[in-house]
């Protein structure tokens, strides 16, 4: 049985979806998914990953943008596993591809990448506004700590509302250095969230997928739909 895809842009698309459902035979599968990430979002993500790959070491090693993407996907809760290669000597990453993310999920991933990089002094060439909020004294290591110890990990983004765009106050229990670092973290997070273009953060449209059937689907199939 063939497949067809319909993106709901307007009332005409909705009427067509209703027509298809009414004509569908029993056992036809209908799946609703949020709109997939855009090409502009994909380009923005890879530009940020390239800047991080060129400027940051993780556990004393340099990684490619592809490897950084896996680290960030894992840090954001996406399942990533490594399967042993058929040669018995290598491992192959397996998990959700960024191309499968919705616009909202991709927006959250990009937001985290910018925030994480800004906290560590990464200079983002496509978004200089973030660089102005980076701590100039921050060592460029993945730990965010002493550049000489080589320790660190990709931190999971915290839940809750965005951090305020001002330094955290010194409550007397933090040393001056710790207070300065905490303030830089607050500023970087706030600025990174503001830097993500608004069009990447819109609520995604609803996308409908359904298996094809004999009446009226073939001629309505979107270009590029699977056969």
N, C-alpha and C. Protein backbone atom coordinates (compact mmCIF):
# COMPACT_ATOMS: atom_id res chain seq x y z
N UNK A 1 0.85 -1.19 0.00
CA UNK A 1 0.00 0.00 0.00
C UNK A 1 0.89 1.24 0.00
N UNK A 2 0.55 2.21 -0.81
CA UNK A 2 1.36 3.42 -0.93
C UNK A 2 1.13 4.35 0.25
N UNK A 3 1.95 5.42 0.30
CA UNK A 3 1.85 6.40 1.37
C UNK A 3 1.64 7.78 0.76
N UNK A 4 1.02 8.65 1.50
CA UNK A 4 0.83 10.03 1.06
C UNK A 4 0.99 10.94 2.27
N UNK A 5 1.35 12.19 2.01
CA UNK A 5 1.60 13.15 3.08
C UNK A 5 0.82 14.42 2.79
N UNK A 6 0.24 15.00 3.81
CA UNK A 6 -0.51 16.24 3.67
C UNK A 6 -0.12 17.18 4.81
N UNK A 7 0.36 18.38 4.46
CA UNK A 7 0.70 19.40 5.45
C UNK A 7 -0.47 20.37 5.58
N UNK A 8 -0.90 20.61 6.79
CA UNK A 8 -2.07 21.45 7.04
C UNK A 8 -1.65 22.92 7.10
N UNK A 9 -1.83 23.63 5.97
CA UNK A 9 -1.51 25.06 5.92
C UNK A 9 -2.75 25.93 6.07
N UNK A 10 -3.91 25.46 5.58
CA UNK A 10 -5.11 26.29 5.56
C UNK A 10 -6.35 25.40 5.63
N UNK A 11 -7.52 26.05 5.54
CA UNK A 11 -8.78 25.31 5.65
C UNK A 11 -8.98 24.33 4.50
N UNK A 12 -8.45 24.67 3.31
CA UNK A 12 -8.57 23.75 2.18
C UNK A 12 -7.83 22.44 2.47
N UNK A 13 -6.63 22.55 3.05
CA UNK A 13 -5.88 21.35 3.40
C UNK A 13 -6.63 20.51 4.43
N UNK A 14 -7.26 21.17 5.37
CA UNK A 14 -8.02 20.44 6.39
C UNK A 14 -9.22 19.72 5.77
N UNK A 15 -9.90 20.40 4.84
CA UNK A 15 -11.03 19.76 4.16
C UNK A 15 -10.57 18.55 3.36
N UNK A 16 -9.41 18.67 2.73
CA UNK A 16 -8.90 17.55 1.95
C UNK A 16 -8.54 16.38 2.87
N UNK A 17 -7.98 16.70 4.05
CA UNK A 17 -7.65 15.64 5.00
C UNK A 17 -8.91 14.92 5.46
N UNK A 18 -9.97 15.68 5.72
CA UNK A 18 -11.24 15.07 6.13
C UNK A 18 -11.78 14.17 5.02
N UNK A 19 -11.66 14.63 3.77
CA UNK A 19 -12.13 13.83 2.63
C UNK A 19 -11.36 12.52 2.55
N UNK A 20 -10.04 12.59 2.70
CA UNK A 20 -9.23 11.38 2.64
C UNK A 20 -9.63 10.40 3.74
N UNK A 21 -9.83 10.92 4.95
CA UNK A 21 -10.17 10.05 6.08
C UNK A 21 -11.52 9.37 5.84
N UNK A 22 -12.48 10.11 5.31
CA UNK A 22 -13.80 9.53 5.04
C UNK A 22 -13.72 8.43 3.99
N UNK A 23 -12.79 8.56 3.03
CA UNK A 23 -12.65 7.57 1.96
C UNK A 23 -11.74 6.40 2.34
N UNK A 24 -11.03 6.54 3.43
CA UNK A 24 -10.05 5.52 3.79
C UNK A 24 -10.72 4.22 4.21
N UNK A 25 -10.18 3.09 3.78
CA UNK A 25 -10.72 1.79 4.20
C UNK A 25 -10.32 1.49 5.64
N UNK A 26 -10.95 0.50 6.27
CA UNK A 26 -10.58 0.11 7.62
C UNK A 26 -9.10 -0.27 7.70
N UNK A 27 -8.51 -0.06 8.85
CA UNK A 27 -7.11 -0.37 9.14
C UNK A 27 -6.13 0.63 8.53
N UNK A 28 -6.63 1.67 7.86
CA UNK A 28 -5.72 2.72 7.37
C UNK A 28 -5.11 3.44 8.57
N UNK A 29 -3.81 3.66 8.52
CA UNK A 29 -3.11 4.29 9.64
C UNK A 29 -2.97 5.79 9.40
N UNK A 30 -3.35 6.59 10.38
CA UNK A 30 -3.24 8.05 10.31
C UNK A 30 -2.31 8.50 11.43
N UNK A 31 -1.29 9.26 11.07
CA UNK A 31 -0.30 9.72 12.05
C UNK A 31 -0.21 11.23 12.02
N UNK A 32 -0.22 11.87 13.18
CA UNK A 32 -0.11 13.32 13.29
C UNK A 32 1.25 13.67 13.89
N UNK A 33 1.99 14.54 13.20
CA UNK A 33 3.32 14.92 13.66
C UNK A 33 3.49 16.43 13.51
N UNK A 34 4.29 17.00 14.39
CA UNK A 34 4.61 18.43 14.27
C UNK A 34 5.48 18.65 13.04
N UNK A 35 5.50 19.89 12.56
CA UNK A 35 6.29 20.22 11.38
C UNK A 35 7.77 19.93 11.62
N UNK A 36 8.44 19.38 10.60
CA UNK A 36 9.86 19.05 10.74
C UNK A 36 10.70 20.31 10.74
N UNK A 37 11.89 20.17 11.27
CA UNK A 37 12.80 21.31 11.35
C UNK A 37 13.09 21.86 9.96
N UNK A 38 13.35 23.14 9.89
CA UNK A 38 13.54 23.80 8.60
C UNK A 38 15.00 23.72 8.16
N UNK A 39 15.25 24.02 6.90
CA UNK A 39 16.62 24.06 6.38
C UNK A 39 17.41 25.18 7.02
N UNK A 40 16.76 26.31 7.30
CA UNK A 40 17.45 27.41 7.97
C UNK A 40 17.88 27.02 9.37
N UNK A 41 17.03 26.29 10.08
CA UNK A 41 17.41 25.80 11.40
C UNK A 41 18.61 24.86 11.30
N UNK A 42 18.59 23.98 10.31
CA UNK A 42 19.69 23.04 10.13
C UNK A 42 21.00 23.77 9.86
N UNK A 43 20.96 24.79 9.01
CA UNK A 43 22.17 25.56 8.71
C UNK A 43 22.68 26.29 9.95
N UNK A 44 21.76 26.84 10.74
CA UNK A 44 22.15 27.54 11.96
C UNK A 44 22.80 26.59 12.96
N UNK A 45 22.27 25.38 13.08
CA UNK A 45 22.85 24.40 14.00
C UNK A 45 24.26 24.03 13.59
N UNK A 46 24.47 23.75 12.29
CA UNK A 46 25.80 23.33 11.84
C UNK A 46 26.81 24.46 11.95
N UNK A 47 26.39 25.70 11.74
CA UNK A 47 27.31 26.83 11.91
C UNK A 47 27.77 26.93 13.36
N UNK A 48 26.85 26.75 14.30
CA UNK A 48 27.20 26.80 15.71
C UNK A 48 28.09 25.63 16.10
N UNK A 49 27.78 24.43 15.61
CA UNK A 49 28.61 23.26 15.91
C UNK A 49 30.01 23.41 15.36
N UNK A 50 30.14 24.02 14.19
CA UNK A 50 31.46 24.23 13.59
C UNK A 50 32.28 25.18 14.44
N UNK A 51 31.67 26.26 14.93
CA UNK A 51 32.38 27.20 15.80
C UNK A 51 32.86 26.50 17.07
N UNK A 52 32.01 25.68 17.66
CA UNK A 52 32.39 24.95 18.88
C UNK A 52 33.51 23.97 18.59
N UNK A 53 33.42 23.24 17.48
CA UNK A 53 34.44 22.25 17.14
C UNK A 53 35.81 22.90 16.93
N UNK A 54 35.83 24.11 16.42
CA UNK A 54 37.08 24.81 16.15
C UNK A 54 37.69 25.44 17.40
N UNK A 55 36.89 25.63 18.44
CA UNK A 55 37.37 26.40 19.58
C UNK A 55 37.41 25.65 20.90
N UNK A 56 36.72 24.52 21.00
CA UNK A 56 36.57 23.85 22.29
C UNK A 56 37.18 22.45 22.26
N UNK A 57 37.84 22.08 23.37
CA UNK A 57 38.29 20.72 23.59
C UNK A 57 37.38 20.06 24.62
N UNK A 58 37.07 18.81 24.42
CA UNK A 58 36.27 18.04 25.37
C UNK A 58 37.12 16.89 25.89
N UNK A 59 37.40 16.93 27.20
CA UNK A 59 38.26 15.93 27.83
C UNK A 59 39.62 15.87 27.14
N UNK A 60 40.14 17.03 26.77
CA UNK A 60 41.46 17.12 26.18
C UNK A 60 41.55 16.74 24.72
N UNK A 61 40.41 16.55 24.05
CA UNK A 61 40.42 16.15 22.65
C UNK A 61 39.55 17.09 21.82
N UNK A 62 39.90 17.20 20.54
CA UNK A 62 39.09 17.94 19.59
C UNK A 62 38.10 16.98 18.93
N UNK A 63 36.89 17.47 18.68
CA UNK A 63 35.88 16.65 18.04
C UNK A 63 35.31 17.37 16.82
N UNK A 64 34.80 16.60 15.88
CA UNK A 64 34.22 17.16 14.67
C UNK A 64 32.82 17.71 14.97
N UNK A 65 32.28 18.56 14.09
CA UNK A 65 30.91 19.02 14.30
C UNK A 65 29.90 17.87 14.41
N UNK A 66 30.09 16.79 13.64
CA UNK A 66 29.18 15.64 13.73
C UNK A 66 29.24 15.01 15.11
N UNK A 67 30.45 14.90 15.66
CA UNK A 67 30.59 14.31 16.99
C UNK A 67 30.00 15.21 18.06
N UNK A 68 30.17 16.51 17.90
CA UNK A 68 29.56 17.45 18.85
C UNK A 68 28.04 17.36 18.79
N UNK A 69 27.51 17.16 17.60
CA UNK A 69 26.05 17.05 17.48
C UNK A 69 25.53 15.87 18.29
N UNK A 70 26.24 14.74 18.23
CA UNK A 70 25.84 13.57 19.01
C UNK A 70 25.89 13.88 20.50
N UNK A 71 26.94 14.58 20.95
CA UNK A 71 27.05 14.93 22.36
C UNK A 71 25.89 15.82 22.81
N UNK A 72 25.56 16.81 21.99
CA UNK A 72 24.46 17.71 22.35
C UNK A 72 23.11 17.00 22.29
N UNK A 73 22.91 16.14 21.30
CA UNK A 73 21.66 15.39 21.21
C UNK A 73 21.49 14.53 22.47
N UNK A 74 22.57 13.89 22.89
CA UNK A 74 22.51 13.05 24.09
C UNK A 74 22.24 13.89 25.32
N UNK A 75 22.88 15.06 25.42
CA UNK A 75 22.69 15.94 26.57
C UNK A 75 21.26 16.45 26.66
N UNK A 76 20.59 16.55 25.52
CA UNK A 76 19.20 17.03 25.48
C UNK A 76 18.19 15.90 25.63
N UNK A 77 18.67 14.71 25.97
CA UNK A 77 17.75 13.61 26.26
C UNK A 77 17.42 12.73 25.07
N UNK A 78 18.11 12.92 23.93
CA UNK A 78 17.87 12.05 22.77
C UNK A 78 18.69 10.78 22.93
N UNK A 79 18.05 9.65 22.66
CA UNK A 79 18.73 8.37 22.84
C UNK A 79 19.86 8.21 21.82
N UNK A 80 21.05 7.94 22.32
CA UNK A 80 22.21 7.68 21.47
C UNK A 80 22.93 6.45 22.01
N UNK A 81 23.11 5.46 21.15
CA UNK A 81 23.85 4.26 21.52
C UNK A 81 24.95 4.02 20.50
N UNK A 82 25.94 3.24 20.90
CA UNK A 82 27.03 2.90 20.00
C UNK A 82 27.03 1.39 19.78
N UNK A 83 26.85 1.00 18.52
CA UNK A 83 26.81 -0.42 18.16
C UNK A 83 28.17 -0.86 17.65
N UNK A 84 28.61 -2.07 18.01
CA UNK A 84 29.90 -2.55 17.52
C UNK A 84 29.86 -2.78 16.01
N UNK A 85 30.89 -2.30 15.32
CA UNK A 85 30.96 -2.48 13.88
C UNK A 85 31.18 -3.93 13.50
N UNK A 86 30.91 -4.25 12.24
CA UNK A 86 31.07 -5.63 11.78
C UNK A 86 32.51 -6.09 11.80
N UNK A 87 33.46 -5.13 11.78
CA UNK A 87 34.86 -5.52 11.85
C UNK A 87 35.31 -5.84 13.26
N UNK A 88 34.44 -5.59 14.25
CA UNK A 88 34.76 -5.89 15.64
C UNK A 88 35.72 -4.92 16.28
N UNK A 89 36.10 -3.87 15.56
CA UNK A 89 37.09 -2.93 16.09
C UNK A 89 36.54 -1.51 16.25
N UNK A 90 35.46 -1.21 15.59
CA UNK A 90 34.91 0.14 15.62
C UNK A 90 33.49 0.12 16.18
N UNK A 91 33.00 1.31 16.50
CA UNK A 91 31.64 1.46 17.00
C UNK A 91 30.90 2.47 16.13
N UNK A 92 29.62 2.21 15.91
CA UNK A 92 28.80 3.06 15.05
C UNK A 92 27.72 3.72 15.90
N UNK A 93 27.62 5.07 15.87
CA UNK A 93 26.57 5.72 16.66
C UNK A 93 25.19 5.43 16.08
N UNK A 94 24.25 5.18 16.95
CA UNK A 94 22.87 4.94 16.53
C UNK A 94 21.94 5.74 17.42
N UNK A 95 20.95 6.37 16.83
CA UNK A 95 20.00 7.15 17.62
C UNK A 95 19.16 8.01 16.71
N UNK A 96 18.39 8.90 17.30
CA UNK A 96 17.52 9.78 16.54
C UNK A 96 18.35 10.78 15.75
N UNK A 97 18.01 10.97 14.49
CA UNK A 97 18.69 11.95 13.65
C UNK A 97 18.09 13.32 13.88
N UNK A 98 18.92 14.36 13.74
CA UNK A 98 18.41 15.72 13.90
C UNK A 98 17.40 16.06 12.81
N UNK A 99 17.45 15.36 11.68
CA UNK A 99 16.48 15.60 10.60
C UNK A 99 15.08 15.16 10.99
N UNK A 100 14.95 14.33 12.04
CA UNK A 100 13.65 13.87 12.50
C UNK A 100 13.03 14.80 13.54
N UNK A 101 13.78 15.80 13.98
CA UNK A 101 13.28 16.70 15.02
C UNK A 101 12.21 17.63 14.46
N UNK A 102 11.28 18.00 15.30
CA UNK A 102 10.29 19.01 14.93
C UNK A 102 10.93 20.40 15.03
N UNK A 103 10.22 21.42 14.56
CA UNK A 103 10.74 22.78 14.66
C UNK A 103 10.98 23.17 16.12
N UNK A 104 10.06 22.80 16.99
CA UNK A 104 10.20 23.15 18.40
C UNK A 104 11.38 22.41 19.02
N UNK A 105 11.52 21.12 18.72
CA UNK A 105 12.64 20.35 19.26
C UNK A 105 13.97 20.89 18.75
N UNK A 106 14.03 21.24 17.47
CA UNK A 106 15.25 21.79 16.91
C UNK A 106 15.56 23.15 17.53
N UNK A 107 14.54 23.94 17.78
CA UNK A 107 14.74 25.24 18.43
C UNK A 107 15.35 25.06 19.81
N UNK A 108 14.86 24.08 20.56
CA UNK A 108 15.40 23.81 21.89
C UNK A 108 16.85 23.34 21.82
N UNK A 109 17.17 22.51 20.83
CA UNK A 109 18.54 22.03 20.66
C UNK A 109 19.47 23.19 20.33
N UNK A 110 19.07 24.05 19.39
CA UNK A 110 19.89 25.21 19.00
C UNK A 110 20.07 26.14 20.19
N UNK A 111 19.00 26.36 20.94
CA UNK A 111 19.06 27.21 22.12
C UNK A 111 20.10 26.70 23.10
N UNK A 112 20.10 25.38 23.33
CA UNK A 112 21.06 24.79 24.26
C UNK A 112 22.49 24.89 23.74
N UNK A 113 22.69 24.66 22.45
CA UNK A 113 24.03 24.75 21.86
C UNK A 113 24.60 26.15 22.05
N UNK A 114 23.80 27.18 21.73
CA UNK A 114 24.26 28.55 21.89
C UNK A 114 24.54 28.88 23.35
N UNK A 115 23.64 28.48 24.24
CA UNK A 115 23.82 28.77 25.65
C UNK A 115 25.06 28.10 26.20
N UNK A 116 25.23 26.81 25.88
CA UNK A 116 26.39 26.06 26.36
C UNK A 116 27.69 26.67 25.84
N UNK A 117 27.72 27.01 24.55
CA UNK A 117 28.92 27.60 23.98
C UNK A 117 29.22 28.98 24.52
N UNK A 118 28.19 29.81 24.70
CA UNK A 118 28.40 31.17 25.20
C UNK A 118 28.96 31.15 26.61
N UNK A 119 28.53 30.20 27.42
CA UNK A 119 29.04 30.09 28.79
C UNK A 119 30.53 29.77 28.80
N UNK A 120 31.04 29.20 27.74
CA UNK A 120 32.44 28.79 27.68
C UNK A 120 33.27 29.68 26.75
N UNK A 121 32.73 30.82 26.40
CA UNK A 121 33.50 31.80 25.64
C UNK A 121 33.63 31.53 24.16
N UNK A 122 32.77 30.68 23.60
CA UNK A 122 32.83 30.41 22.16
C UNK A 122 32.43 31.67 21.40
N UNK A 123 33.17 32.00 20.36
CA UNK A 123 32.86 33.13 19.49
C UNK A 123 32.03 32.63 18.32
N UNK A 124 30.75 32.95 18.33
CA UNK A 124 29.85 32.51 17.26
C UNK A 124 29.86 33.56 16.14
N UNK A 125 30.36 33.18 14.98
CA UNK A 125 30.53 34.13 13.89
C UNK A 125 29.20 34.62 13.33
N UNK A 126 28.16 33.78 13.36
CA UNK A 126 26.87 34.19 12.82
C UNK A 126 26.04 34.99 13.81
N UNK A 127 26.43 34.98 15.09
CA UNK A 127 25.66 35.68 16.12
C UNK A 127 26.62 36.41 17.08
N UNK A 128 27.21 37.52 16.65
CA UNK A 128 28.15 38.25 17.51
C UNK A 128 27.52 38.80 18.77
N UNK A 129 26.19 38.95 18.80
CA UNK A 129 25.54 39.48 20.00
C UNK A 129 25.74 38.55 21.18
N UNK A 130 25.86 37.24 20.93
CA UNK A 130 26.12 36.30 22.01
C UNK A 130 27.52 36.50 22.55
N UNK A 131 28.47 36.79 21.66
CA UNK A 131 29.86 36.91 22.08
C UNK A 131 30.05 38.05 23.06
N UNK A 132 29.24 39.11 22.98
CA UNK A 132 29.38 40.24 23.87
C UNK A 132 29.04 39.87 25.30
N UNK A 133 28.29 38.79 25.47
CA UNK A 133 27.88 38.38 26.80
C UNK A 133 28.73 37.24 27.34
N UNK A 134 29.66 36.74 26.54
CA UNK A 134 30.52 35.66 27.01
C UNK A 134 31.54 36.22 27.98
N UNK A 135 31.90 35.43 28.97
CA UNK A 135 32.90 35.85 29.94
C UNK A 135 34.26 35.82 29.28
N UNK A 136 34.96 36.97 29.12
CA UNK A 136 36.25 36.98 28.43
C UNK A 136 37.32 36.19 29.14
N UNK A 137 37.14 35.94 30.46
CA UNK A 137 38.14 35.19 31.21
C UNK A 137 37.83 33.71 31.26
N UNK A 138 36.73 33.31 30.61
CA UNK A 138 36.32 31.91 30.67
C UNK A 138 37.24 31.05 29.83
N UNK A 139 37.91 30.01 30.41
CA UNK A 139 38.76 29.12 29.62
C UNK A 139 37.93 28.27 28.70
N UNK A 140 38.44 28.01 27.50
CA UNK A 140 37.66 27.31 26.48
C UNK A 140 37.86 25.80 26.59
N UNK A 141 37.28 25.24 27.64
CA UNK A 141 37.26 23.79 27.79
C UNK A 141 35.83 23.37 27.99
N UNK A 142 35.55 22.11 27.72
CA UNK A 142 34.18 21.64 27.83
C UNK A 142 33.71 21.58 29.26
N UNK A 143 34.62 21.63 30.24
CA UNK A 143 34.20 21.56 31.63
C UNK A 143 33.70 22.90 32.13
N UNK A 144 34.17 24.00 31.50
CA UNK A 144 33.84 25.32 31.99
C UNK A 144 34.66 25.67 33.21
N UNK A 145 35.62 24.82 33.59
CA UNK A 145 36.46 25.06 34.75
C UNK A 145 37.87 25.38 34.33
N UNK A 146 38.87 24.82 35.07
CA UNK A 146 40.27 25.07 34.80
C UNK A 146 40.66 24.44 33.49
N UNK A 147 41.25 25.24 32.59
CA UNK A 147 41.61 24.74 31.27
C UNK A 147 42.69 23.69 31.34
N UNK A 148 43.40 23.61 32.44
CA UNK A 148 44.52 22.69 32.50
C UNK A 148 44.16 21.30 32.95
N UNK A 149 43.00 21.11 33.57
CA UNK A 149 42.73 19.79 34.10
C UNK A 149 42.11 18.85 33.10
N UNK A 150 41.57 19.36 31.98
CA UNK A 150 41.05 18.52 30.91
C UNK A 150 39.78 17.78 31.26
N UNK A 151 39.20 18.06 32.44
CA UNK A 151 37.99 17.34 32.83
C UNK A 151 36.78 18.13 32.42
N UNK A 152 35.67 17.42 32.23
CA UNK A 152 34.44 18.14 31.91
C UNK A 152 33.45 17.24 31.22
N UNK A 153 32.25 17.74 31.07
CA UNK A 153 31.20 17.00 30.39
C UNK A 153 30.20 17.97 29.84
N UNK A 154 29.40 17.51 28.90
CA UNK A 154 28.32 18.33 28.37
C UNK A 154 27.18 18.30 29.36
N UNK A 155 26.77 19.46 29.87
CA UNK A 155 25.77 19.53 30.92
C UNK A 155 24.38 19.53 30.32
N UNK A 156 23.44 18.92 31.05
CA UNK A 156 22.06 18.89 30.60
C UNK A 156 21.40 20.22 30.86
N UNK A 157 20.62 20.76 29.91
CA UNK A 157 19.99 22.05 30.12
C UNK A 157 19.00 21.98 31.27
N UNK A 158 18.99 23.02 32.11
CA UNK A 158 18.11 23.04 33.26
C UNK A 158 16.70 23.39 32.83
N UNK A 159 15.72 22.91 33.59
CA UNK A 159 14.33 23.20 33.29
C UNK A 159 13.93 24.51 33.92
N UNK A 160 12.74 25.00 33.57
CA UNK A 160 12.24 26.23 34.15
C UNK A 160 12.34 27.38 33.20
N UNK A 161 12.08 28.58 33.72
CA UNK A 161 12.08 29.77 32.89
C UNK A 161 13.49 30.20 32.57
N UNK A 162 13.71 30.97 31.46
CA UNK A 162 15.04 31.43 31.09
C UNK A 162 15.65 32.26 32.20
N UNK A 163 16.98 32.16 32.31
CA UNK A 163 17.68 32.92 33.33
C UNK A 163 17.61 34.40 33.02
N UNK A 164 17.56 35.27 34.04
CA UNK A 164 17.49 36.71 33.79
C UNK A 164 18.75 37.20 33.15
N UNK A 165 18.63 38.29 32.42
CA UNK A 165 19.77 38.85 31.70
C UNK A 165 20.53 39.82 32.60
N UNK A 166 20.92 39.36 33.78
CA UNK A 166 21.73 40.16 34.68
C UNK A 166 22.50 39.22 35.59
N UNK A 167 23.57 39.70 36.23
CA UNK A 167 24.39 38.82 37.06
C UNK A 167 23.63 38.35 38.29
N UNK A 168 23.95 37.13 38.74
CA UNK A 168 23.36 36.63 39.97
C UNK A 168 23.99 37.37 41.15
N UNK A 169 23.22 37.79 42.13
CA UNK A 169 23.78 38.54 43.24
C UNK A 169 24.65 37.65 44.12
N UNK A 170 25.66 38.27 44.74
CA UNK A 170 26.54 37.57 45.66
C UNK A 170 25.86 37.51 47.02
N UNK A 171 25.55 36.32 47.49
CA UNK A 171 24.81 36.19 48.74
C UNK A 171 25.74 36.13 49.95
N UNK A 172 27.02 36.35 49.75
CA UNK A 172 27.95 36.34 50.85
C UNK A 172 28.62 35.01 51.05
N UNK A 173 28.02 33.95 50.53
CA UNK A 173 28.59 32.62 50.66
C UNK A 173 29.50 32.25 49.49
N UNK A 174 29.37 32.99 48.39
CA UNK A 174 30.21 32.73 47.23
C UNK A 174 31.41 33.65 47.24
N UNK A 175 32.52 33.13 46.79
CA UNK A 175 33.69 33.98 46.64
C UNK A 175 33.46 34.94 45.48
N UNK A 176 34.28 35.95 45.36
CA UNK A 176 34.13 36.92 44.27
C UNK A 176 34.26 36.24 42.92
N UNK A 177 35.18 35.28 42.80
CA UNK A 177 35.37 34.58 41.53
C UNK A 177 34.14 33.74 41.18
N UNK A 178 33.58 33.07 42.18
CA UNK A 178 32.40 32.26 41.92
C UNK A 178 31.21 33.13 41.55
N UNK A 179 31.09 34.27 42.21
CA UNK A 179 29.98 35.16 41.89
C UNK A 179 30.10 35.69 40.47
N UNK A 180 31.34 36.01 40.05
CA UNK A 180 31.55 36.51 38.69
C UNK A 180 31.21 35.43 37.67
N UNK A 181 31.60 34.19 37.98
CA UNK A 181 31.30 33.08 37.06
C UNK A 181 29.80 32.83 36.98
N UNK A 182 29.12 32.91 38.14
CA UNK A 182 27.67 32.71 38.13
C UNK A 182 26.97 33.80 37.35
N UNK A 183 27.45 35.04 37.50
CA UNK A 183 26.86 36.14 36.75
C UNK A 183 27.05 35.98 35.26
N UNK A 184 28.24 35.52 34.85
CA UNK A 184 28.50 35.30 33.43
C UNK A 184 27.59 34.21 32.88
N UNK A 185 27.33 33.19 33.69
CA UNK A 185 26.44 32.11 33.23
C UNK A 185 25.03 32.63 33.01
N UNK A 186 24.54 33.45 33.94
CA UNK A 186 23.20 34.02 33.77
C UNK A 186 23.13 34.89 32.53
N UNK A 187 24.15 35.73 32.31
CA UNK A 187 24.12 36.61 31.15
C UNK A 187 24.18 35.82 29.86
N UNK A 188 25.03 34.79 29.82
CA UNK A 188 25.19 34.00 28.60
C UNK A 188 23.90 33.27 28.25
N UNK A 189 23.25 32.68 29.26
CA UNK A 189 22.01 31.96 28.99
C UNK A 189 20.92 32.89 28.47
N UNK A 190 20.79 34.04 29.12
CA UNK A 190 19.77 34.98 28.68
C UNK A 190 20.02 35.49 27.28
N UNK A 191 21.28 35.80 26.96
CA UNK A 191 21.59 36.33 25.64
C UNK A 191 21.46 35.26 24.57
N UNK A 192 21.83 34.03 24.90
CA UNK A 192 21.74 32.95 23.91
C UNK A 192 20.30 32.71 23.52
N UNK A 193 19.39 32.76 24.48
CA UNK A 193 17.98 32.54 24.17
C UNK A 193 17.44 33.66 23.29
N UNK A 194 17.88 34.91 23.56
CA UNK A 194 17.40 36.02 22.75
C UNK A 194 17.94 35.96 21.33
N UNK A 195 19.11 35.34 21.15
CA UNK A 195 19.75 35.35 19.84
C UNK A 195 19.13 34.37 18.86
N UNK A 196 18.39 33.38 19.34
CA UNK A 196 17.76 32.43 18.43
C UNK A 196 16.66 33.16 17.67
N UNK A 197 16.73 33.23 16.35
CA UNK A 197 15.74 33.98 15.57
C UNK A 197 14.32 33.57 15.88
N UNK A 198 13.43 34.55 15.89
CA UNK A 198 12.05 34.31 16.31
C UNK A 198 11.34 33.30 15.43
N UNK A 199 11.69 33.29 14.12
CA UNK A 199 10.97 32.38 13.22
C UNK A 199 11.30 30.93 13.51
N UNK A 200 12.39 30.66 14.25
CA UNK A 200 12.73 29.29 14.59
C UNK A 200 11.99 28.82 15.83
N UNK A 201 11.30 29.73 16.51
CA UNK A 201 10.68 29.38 17.78
C UNK A 201 9.16 29.38 17.70
N UNK A 202 8.61 29.50 16.50
CA UNK A 202 7.16 29.51 16.35
C UNK A 202 6.58 28.13 16.63
N UNK A 203 5.35 28.14 17.08
CA UNK A 203 4.65 26.87 17.29
C UNK A 203 4.51 26.15 15.96
N UNK A 204 4.95 24.90 15.87
CA UNK A 204 4.93 24.20 14.58
C UNK A 204 3.52 23.89 14.10
N UNK A 205 3.36 23.84 12.78
CA UNK A 205 2.09 23.43 12.20
C UNK A 205 1.90 21.93 12.35
N UNK A 206 0.68 21.51 12.27
CA UNK A 206 0.38 20.09 12.38
C UNK A 206 0.53 19.42 11.02
N UNK A 207 1.20 18.31 10.99
CA UNK A 207 1.42 17.57 9.75
C UNK A 207 0.72 16.23 9.85
N UNK A 208 0.00 15.86 8.81
CA UNK A 208 -0.74 14.60 8.81
C UNK A 208 -0.11 13.63 7.82
N UNK A 209 0.12 12.40 8.25
CA UNK A 209 0.61 11.33 7.39
C UNK A 209 -0.46 10.25 7.34
N UNK A 210 -0.65 9.64 6.20
CA UNK A 210 -1.55 8.49 6.17
C UNK A 210 -1.20 7.58 5.01
N UNK A 211 -1.53 6.31 5.16
CA UNK A 211 -1.31 5.35 4.09
C UNK A 211 -2.24 5.65 2.93
N UNK A 212 -1.75 5.44 1.71
CA UNK A 212 -2.57 5.70 0.53
C UNK A 212 -3.67 4.66 0.37
N UNK A 213 -4.69 5.04 -0.36
CA UNK A 213 -5.76 4.11 -0.69
C UNK A 213 -6.23 4.43 -2.09
N UNK A 214 -7.13 3.61 -2.60
CA UNK A 214 -7.44 3.64 -4.03
C UNK A 214 -8.18 4.89 -4.49
N UNK A 215 -8.95 5.54 -3.61
CA UNK A 215 -9.83 6.62 -4.06
C UNK A 215 -9.24 7.98 -3.73
N UNK A 216 -8.76 8.68 -4.75
CA UNK A 216 -8.44 10.09 -4.60
C UNK A 216 -7.14 10.43 -3.92
N UNK A 217 -6.26 9.48 -3.65
CA UNK A 217 -5.03 9.80 -2.94
C UNK A 217 -3.87 10.01 -3.89
N UNK A 218 -3.77 9.16 -4.91
CA UNK A 218 -2.60 9.22 -5.79
C UNK A 218 -2.44 10.60 -6.41
N UNK A 219 -3.54 11.22 -6.87
CA UNK A 219 -3.41 12.51 -7.53
C UNK A 219 -3.13 13.64 -6.56
N UNK A 220 -3.38 13.41 -5.25
CA UNK A 220 -3.16 14.45 -4.26
C UNK A 220 -1.82 14.32 -3.57
N UNK A 221 -1.05 13.33 -3.93
CA UNK A 221 0.19 13.05 -3.22
C UNK A 221 1.18 14.18 -3.42
N UNK A 222 1.84 14.55 -2.31
CA UNK A 222 2.84 15.61 -2.37
C UNK A 222 4.06 15.12 -3.14
N UNK A 223 4.75 16.01 -3.86
CA UNK A 223 5.99 15.61 -4.53
C UNK A 223 7.00 15.11 -3.52
N UNK A 224 7.68 14.04 -3.84
CA UNK A 224 8.70 13.49 -2.97
C UNK A 224 8.18 12.51 -1.95
N UNK A 225 6.84 12.29 -1.91
CA UNK A 225 6.29 11.32 -0.97
C UNK A 225 6.73 9.93 -1.37
N UNK A 226 6.87 9.07 -0.38
CA UNK A 226 7.35 7.72 -0.63
C UNK A 226 6.32 6.93 -1.42
N UNK A 227 6.82 6.03 -2.27
CA UNK A 227 5.93 5.18 -3.03
C UNK A 227 5.80 3.83 -2.44
